[in-house]
Amino acid sequence: MRHEVYFTVPARELGNADLLVWIYAGKRKKRASGRLRISKGTLDFIPGNGKKPLKVGWDYVEEMFRGFKEG
């Protein structure tokens, strides 16, 4: 399934600001499936229904990606 991703970068130095990525998935792209917030400390996924964000630290993200096989 193809996903369209839109993101907003604040108009300031990126080193001190979070990056927010809006995710639209499925056939009806009128409503966001969720948001991905990237910051220095964590990577957060906020579901489209606006409930509590799911947070993971960068150490976890690194280990997760190292677990994928190349190719």
C-alpha atoms as a PDB file:
ATOM      1  CA  MET A   1       0.000   0.000   0.000  1.00  0.00           C
ATOM      2  CA  ARG A   2       1.306   3.426  -0.909  1.00  0.00           C
ATOM      3  CA  HIS A   3       1.356   6.020   1.855  1.00  0.00           C
ATOM      4  CA  GLU A   4       1.391   9.757   1.443  1.00  0.00           C
ATOM      5  CA  VAL A   5       3.400  11.577   4.093  1.00  0.00           C
ATOM      6  CA  TYR A   6       3.228  15.304   4.838  1.00  0.00           C
ATOM      7  CA  PHE A   7       5.413  17.037   7.367  1.00  0.00           C
ATOM      8  CA  THR A   8       5.854  20.459   8.868  1.00  0.00           C
ATOM      9  CA  VAL A   9       9.202  21.906   9.876  1.00  0.00           C
ATOM     10  CA  PRO A  10       9.067  24.871  12.236  1.00  0.00           C
ATOM     11  CA  ALA A  11      10.649  28.081  10.959  1.00  0.00           C
ATOM     12  CA  ARG A  12      13.625  27.954  13.332  1.00  0.00           C
ATOM     13  CA  GLU A  13      16.840  26.029  13.813  1.00  0.00           C
ATOM     14  CA  LEU A  14      16.021  22.348  13.423  1.00  0.00           C
ATOM     15  CA  GLY A  15      18.502  21.370  16.123  1.00  0.00           C
ATOM     16  CA  ASN A  16      16.227  22.853  18.774  1.00  0.00           C
ATOM     17  CA  ALA A  17      12.844  21.967  17.282  1.00  0.00           C
ATOM     18  CA  ASP A  18      10.868  18.769  16.824  1.00  0.00           C
ATOM     19  CA  LEU A  19       9.978  17.496  13.375  1.00  0.00           C
ATOM     20  CA  LEU A  20       6.297  16.567  13.008  1.00  0.00           C
ATOM     21  CA  VAL A  21       5.262  14.145  10.236  1.00  0.00           C
ATOM     22  CA  TRP A  22       1.541  13.675   9.465  1.00  0.00           C
ATOM     23  CA  ILE A  23       0.694  10.194   8.129  1.00  0.00           C
ATOM     24  CA  TYR A  24      -2.295   9.587   5.853  1.00  0.00           C
ATOM     25  CA  ALA A  25      -2.976   5.941   4.974  1.00  0.00           C
ATOM     26  CA  GLY A  26      -5.746   3.971   3.371  1.00  0.00           C
ATOM     27  CA  LYS A  27      -8.180   4.830   0.612  1.00  0.00           C
ATOM     28  CA  ARG A  28      -9.698   7.814   2.405  1.00  0.00           C
ATOM     29  CA  LYS A  29      -6.923  10.292   2.972  1.00  0.00           C
ATOM     30  CA  LYS A  30      -9.126  12.937   4.547  1.00  0.00           C
ATOM     31  CA  ARG A  31      -8.101  12.088   8.097  1.00  0.00           C
ATOM     32  CA  ALA A  32      -4.602  11.540   9.429  1.00  0.00           C
ATOM     33  CA  SER A  33      -3.773   7.998  10.567  1.00  0.00           C
ATOM     34  CA  GLY A  34      -1.348   9.515  12.998  1.00  0.00           C
ATOM     35  CA  ARG A  35       1.594  11.804  13.553  1.00  0.00           C
ATOM     36  CA  LEU A  36       5.247  10.992  14.026  1.00  0.00           C
ATOM     37  CA  ARG A  37       7.151  13.454  16.205  1.00  0.00           C
ATOM     38  CA  ILE A  38      10.935  13.322  15.967  1.00  0.00           C
ATOM     39  CA  SER A  39      12.940  15.032  18.687  1.00  0.00           C
ATOM     40  CA  LYS A  40      16.385  14.838  20.222  1.00  0.00           C
ATOM     41  CA  GLY A  41      15.162  12.606  23.046  1.00  0.00           C
ATOM     42  CA  THR A  42      12.465  10.363  21.588  1.00  0.00           C
ATOM     43  CA  LEU A  43      10.515   9.224  18.584  1.00  0.00           C
ATOM     44  CA  ASP A  44       6.770   9.509  19.307  1.00  0.00           C
ATOM     45  CA  PHE A  45       3.797   8.163  17.370  1.00  0.00           C
ATOM     46  CA  ILE A  46       0.522   9.919  18.101  1.00  0.00           C
ATOM     47  CA  PRO A  47      -2.484   7.944  16.777  1.00  0.00           C
ATOM     48  CA  GLY A  48      -5.011   9.750  14.598  1.00  0.00           C
ATOM     49  CA  ASN A  49      -7.576   9.672  17.388  1.00  0.00           C
ATOM     50  CA  GLY A  50      -5.284  11.925  19.438  1.00  0.00           C
ATOM     51  CA  LYS A  51      -4.717   9.592  22.363  1.00  0.00           C
ATOM     52  CA  LYS A  52      -1.510   9.364  24.357  1.00  0.00           C
ATOM     53  CA  PRO A  53       1.668   9.204  22.251  1.00  0.00           C
ATOM     54  CA  LEU A  54       3.667   5.993  22.017  1.00  0.00           C
ATOM     55  CA  LYS A  55       7.253   6.971  22.886  1.00  0.00           C
ATOM     56  CA  VAL A  56      10.493   5.137  22.205  1.00  0.00           C
ATOM     57  CA  GLY A  57      14.023   6.286  22.898  1.00  0.00           C
ATOM     58  CA  TRP A  58      16.708   6.492  20.250  1.00  0.00           C
ATOM     59  CA  ASP A  59      18.574   3.498  21.706  1.00  0.00           C
ATOM     60  CA  TYR A  60      15.514   1.336  21.050  1.00  0.00           C
ATOM     61  CA  VAL A  61      15.124   2.725  17.511  1.00  0.00           C
ATOM     62  CA  GLU A  62      18.774   1.973  16.761  1.00  0.00           C
ATOM     63  CA  GLU A  63      18.463  -1.611  18.019  1.00  0.00           C
ATOM     64  CA  MET A  64      15.255  -2.113  16.042  1.00  0.00           C
ATOM     65  CA  PHE A  65      16.854  -0.992  12.773  1.00  0.00           C
ATOM     66  CA  ARG A  66      19.971  -3.042  13.395  1.00  0.00           C
ATOM     67  CA  GLY A  67      17.679  -6.085  13.626  1.00  0.00           C
ATOM     68  CA  PHE A  68      16.532  -5.669  10.016  1.00  0.00           C
ATOM     69  CA  LYS A  69      18.446  -7.590   7.386  1.00  0.00           C
ATOM     70  CA  GLU A  70      19.850  -5.629   4.461  1.00  0.00           C
ATOM     71  CA  GLY A  71      18.427  -6.251   1.003  1.00  0.00           C
END
